[in-house]
N, C-alpha and C. Protein backbone atom coordinates (compact mmCIF):
# COMPACT_ATOMS: atom_id res chain seq x y z
N MET A 1 30.26 -3.49 -13.52
CA MET A 1 29.53 -3.87 -12.50
C MET A 1 29.28 -3.01 -11.55
N LYS A 2 28.28 -2.77 -11.49
CA LYS A 2 27.87 -1.92 -10.30
C LYS A 2 28.35 -2.36 -9.00
N LYS A 3 28.93 -1.22 -8.13
CA LYS A 3 29.03 -1.71 -6.75
C LYS A 3 28.47 -1.18 -5.81
N TYR A 4 27.87 -2.06 -5.07
CA TYR A 4 26.84 -1.68 -3.86
C TYR A 4 27.54 -1.70 -2.31
N THR A 5 27.16 -0.80 -1.73
CA THR A 5 27.41 -0.55 -0.17
C THR A 5 26.49 -1.10 0.60
N THR A 6 26.39 -1.37 1.65
CA THR A 6 26.18 -1.87 3.02
C THR A 6 25.73 -0.62 3.89
N LYS A 7 24.71 0.11 3.96
CA LYS A 7 24.32 1.19 4.76
C LYS A 7 24.44 0.29 6.54
N ASP A 8 24.94 1.60 7.09
CA ASP A 8 24.77 0.71 8.21
C ASP A 8 24.42 2.10 9.52
N SER A 9 23.79 2.13 10.35
CA SER A 9 23.26 3.25 11.28
C SER A 9 24.11 3.30 12.29
N GLY A 10 25.12 2.58 12.66
CA GLY A 10 26.11 2.34 13.82
C GLY A 10 25.67 1.66 15.03
N ASN A 11 24.29 1.53 14.96
CA ASN A 11 23.92 0.77 16.38
C ASN A 11 23.75 -0.39 15.96
N ARG A 12 23.85 -1.17 17.02
CA ARG A 12 23.69 -3.05 16.90
C ARG A 12 22.84 -3.79 17.78
N TYR A 13 22.01 -4.29 17.20
CA TYR A 13 21.59 -5.72 18.26
C TYR A 13 22.20 -6.68 18.42
N GLN A 14 22.60 -7.37 19.32
CA GLN A 14 23.38 -8.34 19.67
C GLN A 14 22.39 -9.50 20.63
N GLU A 15 22.54 -10.65 20.09
CA GLU A 15 21.87 -11.70 20.76
C GLU A 15 22.94 -12.46 22.09
N GLU A 16 22.52 -13.20 23.07
CA GLU A 16 23.50 -13.66 23.46
C GLU A 16 24.51 -14.71 22.87
N SER A 17 24.13 -15.69 21.98
CA SER A 17 24.80 -16.52 20.79
C SER A 17 25.99 -15.46 20.37
N GLY A 18 26.06 -13.96 20.32
CA GLY A 18 27.14 -13.20 19.58
C GLY A 18 26.65 -12.87 18.00
N PHE A 19 25.36 -13.21 17.42
CA PHE A 19 24.48 -12.39 16.50
C PHE A 19 24.00 -11.13 16.60
N GLN A 20 24.48 -10.41 15.33
CA GLN A 20 24.46 -9.26 15.62
C GLN A 20 23.88 -8.93 14.26
N ARG A 21 23.28 -7.82 14.16
CA ARG A 21 22.43 -7.08 12.74
C ARG A 21 22.57 -5.76 13.50
N ASP A 22 22.36 -4.77 12.56
CA ASP A 22 21.99 -3.38 12.74
C ASP A 22 20.59 -3.49 13.36
N THR A 23 20.17 -2.33 14.12
CA THR A 23 18.66 -2.02 14.48
C THR A 23 17.98 -2.05 13.13
N GLN A 24 16.56 -2.13 14.26
CA GLN A 24 14.96 -1.50 12.81
C GLN A 24 14.77 -0.39 13.39
N GLU A 25 15.72 0.56 14.09
CA GLU A 25 15.28 1.93 14.19
C GLU A 25 15.31 2.60 13.24
N GLY A 26 13.94 3.43 12.89
CA GLY A 26 13.84 4.26 11.70
C GLY A 26 13.35 3.52 10.27
N LYS A 27 13.15 2.22 10.82
CA LYS A 27 13.25 1.47 9.07
C LYS A 27 11.42 1.35 9.23
N ALA A 28 11.39 1.13 7.67
CA ALA A 28 9.75 0.75 7.60
C ALA A 28 9.59 -0.58 7.78
N ARG A 29 8.47 -0.94 8.50
CA ARG A 29 8.00 -2.38 9.33
C ARG A 29 6.82 -2.94 8.83
N PHE A 30 7.14 -3.28 7.27
CA PHE A 30 6.19 -3.88 6.61
C PHE A 30 5.43 -5.10 6.58
N TYR A 31 6.15 -5.42 7.48
CA TYR A 31 5.48 -6.62 8.15
C TYR A 31 3.93 -6.64 9.04
N LEU A 32 4.51 -5.22 9.19
CA LEU A 32 3.06 -4.83 10.46
C LEU A 32 2.04 -4.61 9.14
N LEU A 33 2.22 -4.54 8.37
CA LEU A 33 0.51 -4.98 7.34
C LEU A 33 0.31 -5.86 7.16
N PHE A 34 0.62 -6.98 7.79
CA PHE A 34 -0.22 -8.72 7.63
C PHE A 34 -0.36 -8.75 8.85
N PRO A 35 -1.62 -8.76 9.40
CA PRO A 35 -2.64 -9.01 10.80
C PRO A 35 -2.09 -10.38 11.12
N LYS A 36 -1.84 -10.94 12.27
CA LYS A 36 -1.53 -12.10 12.22
C LYS A 36 -3.16 -12.91 12.71
N ASP A 37 -3.09 -14.04 12.66
CA ASP A 37 -3.89 -14.73 12.70
C ASP A 37 -5.19 -14.86 11.61
N ILE A 38 -4.87 -13.94 10.79
CA ILE A 38 -5.90 -13.76 9.71
C ILE A 38 -5.17 -14.58 8.52
N PRO A 39 -6.35 -15.31 7.79
CA PRO A 39 -5.90 -16.38 6.90
C PRO A 39 -5.37 -15.24 5.33
N TYR A 40 -4.74 -15.67 4.52
CA TYR A 40 -4.07 -15.35 3.44
C TYR A 40 -5.25 -14.56 2.73
N SER A 41 -6.45 -15.56 2.33
CA SER A 41 -7.40 -14.97 1.63
C SER A 41 -8.45 -13.49 2.21
N GLU A 42 -8.27 -13.71 3.68
CA GLU A 42 -8.81 -12.49 4.21
C GLU A 42 -7.51 -11.37 4.56
N GLN A 43 -6.50 -11.41 4.33
CA GLN A 43 -5.62 -10.48 4.64
C GLN A 43 -5.83 -9.09 3.85
N PRO A 44 -5.86 -8.15 4.77
CA PRO A 44 -6.12 -6.91 3.73
C PRO A 44 -5.15 -6.67 2.34
N MET A 45 -4.06 -6.81 2.67
CA MET A 45 -3.28 -6.39 1.45
C MET A 45 -3.54 -7.97 0.29
N THR A 46 -3.94 -8.61 0.79
CA THR A 46 -4.78 -9.67 -0.23
C THR A 46 -5.50 -9.28 -0.77
N ARG A 47 -6.50 -8.59 -0.32
CA ARG A 47 -7.80 -8.15 -1.00
C ARG A 47 -7.87 -7.23 -1.85
N VAL A 48 -6.87 -6.20 -1.75
CA VAL A 48 -6.36 -5.15 -2.28
C VAL A 48 -5.47 -5.56 -3.40
N ALA A 49 -4.89 -6.19 -3.53
CA ALA A 49 -4.12 -7.27 -4.27
C ALA A 49 -5.39 -7.59 -5.37
N GLU A 50 -6.24 -8.25 -4.96
CA GLU A 50 -7.20 -8.58 -5.99
C GLU A 50 -8.17 -7.96 -6.61
N LEU A 51 -8.19 -6.81 -5.63
CA LEU A 51 -9.12 -5.73 -6.55
C LEU A 51 -7.91 -5.14 -7.93
N LEU A 52 -6.63 -4.79 -7.28
CA LEU A 52 -6.16 -4.68 -8.75
C LEU A 52 -6.08 -5.47 -9.57
N ALA A 53 -5.94 -6.89 -9.46
CA ALA A 53 -6.08 -7.78 -10.29
C ALA A 53 -7.45 -7.70 -11.02
N ARG A 54 -8.70 -7.16 -10.68
CA ARG A 54 -9.85 -7.32 -11.29
C ARG A 54 -9.81 -5.72 -12.01
N GLY A 55 -8.80 -5.38 -11.43
CA GLY A 55 -8.96 -3.70 -12.55
C GLY A 55 -7.81 -4.08 -13.41
N ALA A 56 -6.92 -4.79 -13.39
CA ALA A 56 -5.93 -4.72 -14.29
C ALA A 56 -6.73 -5.79 -15.74
N GLU A 57 -7.70 -6.52 -15.22
CA GLU A 57 -8.22 -7.15 -16.50
C GLU A 57 -9.03 -6.35 -16.76
N LYS A 58 -9.61 -5.47 -16.49
CA LYS A 58 -10.88 -4.45 -16.77
C LYS A 58 -10.08 -3.47 -17.86
N TYR A 59 -8.95 -2.90 -17.23
CA TYR A 59 -8.57 -1.77 -17.82
C TYR A 59 -7.05 -1.96 -18.35
N ASP A 60 -6.33 -2.70 -17.42
CA ASP A 60 -4.43 -3.06 -18.20
C ASP A 60 -3.98 -2.72 -17.09
N ASP A 61 -2.91 -3.70 -16.88
CA ASP A 61 -1.80 -3.83 -15.82
C ASP A 61 -1.18 -2.40 -15.74
N ARG A 62 -1.33 -1.82 -14.04
CA ARG A 62 -1.00 -0.54 -14.06
C ARG A 62 -1.28 0.60 -14.64
N ASN A 63 -2.89 0.70 -15.10
CA ASN A 63 -3.56 1.59 -15.56
C ASN A 63 -3.43 2.76 -15.01
N TRP A 64 -3.61 2.89 -13.75
CA TRP A 64 -4.01 3.81 -12.37
C TRP A 64 -2.73 4.45 -12.63
N GLU A 65 -1.46 3.98 -12.48
CA GLU A 65 -0.46 4.99 -12.53
C GLU A 65 -0.13 5.86 -13.69
N GLN A 66 -1.11 5.79 -15.00
CA GLN A 66 -0.77 6.63 -15.57
C GLN A 66 -1.01 7.98 -15.44
N ALA A 67 -2.37 8.09 -14.32
CA ALA A 67 -2.71 9.41 -14.05
C ALA A 67 -1.78 10.28 -13.33
N ASP A 68 -2.12 11.53 -13.58
CA ASP A 68 -1.32 12.56 -12.96
C ASP A 68 -2.18 13.99 -13.02
N SER A 69 -3.45 13.78 -12.78
CA SER A 69 -3.87 15.55 -12.75
C SER A 69 -4.54 15.86 -11.53
N GLU A 70 -4.85 16.96 -11.09
CA GLU A 70 -5.74 17.21 -10.10
C GLU A 70 -7.04 16.53 -10.21
N THR A 71 -7.65 16.63 -11.13
CA THR A 71 -8.67 15.53 -11.65
C THR A 71 -8.95 14.26 -11.49
N ALA A 72 -7.66 13.47 -11.35
CA ALA A 72 -7.79 12.44 -11.07
C ALA A 72 -7.59 12.14 -9.44
N MET A 73 -7.36 13.19 -8.84
CA MET A 73 -6.73 13.21 -7.46
C MET A 73 -8.31 13.47 -6.66
N GLU A 74 -9.01 14.70 -7.58
CA GLU A 74 -10.22 14.37 -6.46
C GLU A 74 -11.06 13.49 -7.19
N ARG A 75 -11.14 12.58 -8.19
CA ARG A 75 -11.68 11.29 -8.23
C ARG A 75 -11.46 10.20 -7.47
N ALA A 76 -10.21 10.22 -7.16
CA ALA A 76 -9.44 9.22 -6.07
C ALA A 76 -10.16 9.50 -4.49
N LYS A 77 -9.88 10.82 -4.22
CA LYS A 77 -10.59 10.99 -3.15
C LYS A 77 -12.18 10.92 -3.17
N GLU A 78 -12.79 11.06 -3.88
CA GLU A 78 -14.13 10.97 -4.02
C GLU A 78 -14.79 9.69 -3.67
N SER A 79 -13.95 8.79 -4.84
CA SER A 79 -13.98 7.04 -4.74
C SER A 79 -14.00 6.63 -3.34
N ALA A 80 -12.72 6.95 -2.80
CA ALA A 80 -12.25 6.43 -1.52
C ALA A 80 -13.45 6.84 -0.08
N MET A 81 -14.03 8.11 -0.40
CA MET A 81 -15.16 8.54 0.79
C MET A 81 -16.47 7.65 -0.08
N ARG A 82 -16.88 7.18 -0.83
CA ARG A 82 -17.99 6.82 -1.50
C ARG A 82 -17.90 5.21 -1.00
N HIS A 83 -16.95 4.90 -1.13
CA HIS A 83 -16.46 3.17 -0.84
C HIS A 83 -16.77 3.11 0.53
N LEU A 84 -15.73 4.11 1.38
CA LEU A 84 -16.22 4.13 2.72
C LEU A 84 -17.34 4.20 3.30
N THR A 85 -18.32 4.91 2.85
CA THR A 85 -19.58 5.41 3.26
C THR A 85 -20.22 4.03 3.11
N GLN A 86 -20.01 3.39 2.09
CA GLN A 86 -20.85 2.14 1.51
C GLN A 86 -20.66 0.98 2.36
N ALA A 87 -19.26 0.96 3.09
CA ALA A 87 -18.56 -0.16 3.70
C ALA A 87 -19.50 0.08 5.25
N CYS A 88 -19.55 1.56 5.55
CA CYS A 88 -19.85 1.99 6.53
C CYS A 88 -21.69 1.31 6.90
N CYS A 89 -21.92 1.55 5.99
CA CYS A 89 -23.48 1.15 5.62
C CYS A 89 -23.82 -0.37 5.82
N GLY A 90 -22.45 -1.06 5.50
CA GLY A 90 -22.58 -2.49 5.55
C GLY A 90 -23.10 -3.26 4.22
N GLU A 91 -22.64 -2.15 3.31
CA GLU A 91 -23.27 -3.22 1.77
C GLU A 91 -22.12 -3.85 1.04
N GLU A 92 -22.43 -4.93 1.23
CA GLU A 92 -21.24 -5.99 0.78
C GLU A 92 -21.29 -6.66 -0.77
N ASP A 93 -21.73 -5.60 -2.10
CA ASP A 93 -21.70 -5.67 -3.56
C ASP A 93 -20.48 -5.79 -3.81
N GLU A 94 -19.47 -5.21 -3.02
CA GLU A 94 -18.13 -5.07 -3.69
C GLU A 94 -17.21 -5.11 -2.30
N ASP A 95 -15.76 -4.84 -2.49
CA ASP A 95 -14.98 -5.34 -1.29
C ASP A 95 -14.73 -3.81 -1.21
N HIS A 96 -15.56 -3.07 -0.51
CA HIS A 96 -15.37 -1.42 -0.32
C HIS A 96 -14.41 -1.02 0.42
N PHE A 97 -14.09 -1.90 1.76
CA PHE A 97 -12.89 -1.59 2.50
C PHE A 97 -11.46 -1.89 1.31
N ALA A 98 -11.17 -2.84 0.54
CA ALA A 98 -10.26 -2.56 -0.27
C ALA A 98 -9.93 -1.53 -1.02
N ALA A 99 -11.56 -1.08 -1.38
CA ALA A 99 -11.44 -0.15 -2.62
C ALA A 99 -10.87 1.29 -1.91
N VAL A 100 -11.42 1.39 -0.77
CA VAL A 100 -10.97 2.51 0.15
C VAL A 100 -9.47 2.61 -0.15
N ILE A 101 -8.60 1.14 0.49
CA ILE A 101 -6.95 1.52 0.40
C ILE A 101 -6.77 1.47 -0.63
N PHE A 102 -7.09 1.17 -1.88
CA PHE A 102 -6.46 1.36 -2.96
C PHE A 102 -6.66 2.77 -3.28
N ASN A 103 -7.74 3.51 -3.36
CA ASN A 103 -7.83 4.74 -3.34
C ASN A 103 -6.93 5.59 -2.88
N CYS A 104 -6.73 5.30 -1.38
CA CYS A 104 -5.65 6.17 -0.79
C CYS A 104 -4.50 5.95 -1.42
N ILE A 105 -4.05 4.38 -1.88
CA ILE A 105 -2.84 4.46 -2.55
C ILE A 105 -2.49 5.02 -3.75
N PHE A 106 -4.01 5.20 -4.36
CA PHE A 106 -3.40 5.93 -5.62
C PHE A 106 -3.41 7.48 -5.44
N ALA A 107 -4.21 8.10 -4.43
CA ALA A 107 -3.94 9.54 -4.05
C ALA A 107 -2.75 9.75 -3.56
N MET A 108 -2.16 8.82 -2.81
CA MET A 108 -0.73 9.30 -2.31
C MET A 108 0.04 8.86 -3.43
N THR A 109 0.07 7.97 -4.52
CA THR A 109 0.77 8.25 -5.78
C THR A 109 0.72 9.33 -6.41
N LEU A 110 -0.58 9.87 -6.55
CA LEU A 110 -0.59 11.36 -7.40
C LEU A 110 -0.21 12.21 -6.63
N GLN A 111 -0.13 12.15 -5.52
CA GLN A 111 0.33 13.47 -4.48
C GLN A 111 1.79 13.62 -4.67
N TYR A 112 2.35 12.31 -4.60
CA TYR A 112 3.75 12.50 -5.20
C TYR A 112 4.22 12.86 -6.30
N LYS A 113 3.80 12.08 -7.05
CA LYS A 113 3.68 12.68 -8.57
C LYS A 113 3.32 14.30 -8.88
N MET A 114 2.32 14.90 -8.26
CA MET A 114 2.19 16.26 -8.63
C MET A 114 2.95 16.97 -7.47
N ARG A 115 3.70 16.70 -6.88
CA ARG A 115 4.30 17.27 -5.50
C ARG A 115 4.99 18.73 -6.25
N ASP A 116 5.91 18.16 -7.16
CA ASP A 116 6.79 19.86 -7.89
C ASP A 116 6.57 19.98 -9.33
N GLU A 117 4.95 20.15 -9.40
CA GLU A 117 4.59 20.20 -10.91
C GLU A 117 4.06 21.67 -10.88
């Protein structure tokens, strides 16, 4: 069985009750991706997840993760810019803002994959 360790920064947050935790300093704050007072169906991450679901139906689950080329990177950037322009022009035929976010995630994934090639 694998042995795990619990990482510790050495810094502590403590409440009056005595409750303690490691601080949040330097840690990713994923909860900030979800704006307060926005319903689930309108949350940006929900809209991106729904876009991914539609893409999975059309192409296959995680199809986009198979890409690994400079051509795919250029297509992701072009698509992000096109969708941003369409959103800024007020077009509502697709969820253009969600498509911008997806294409940025796609490009960031490709950037990571191609970093040391």
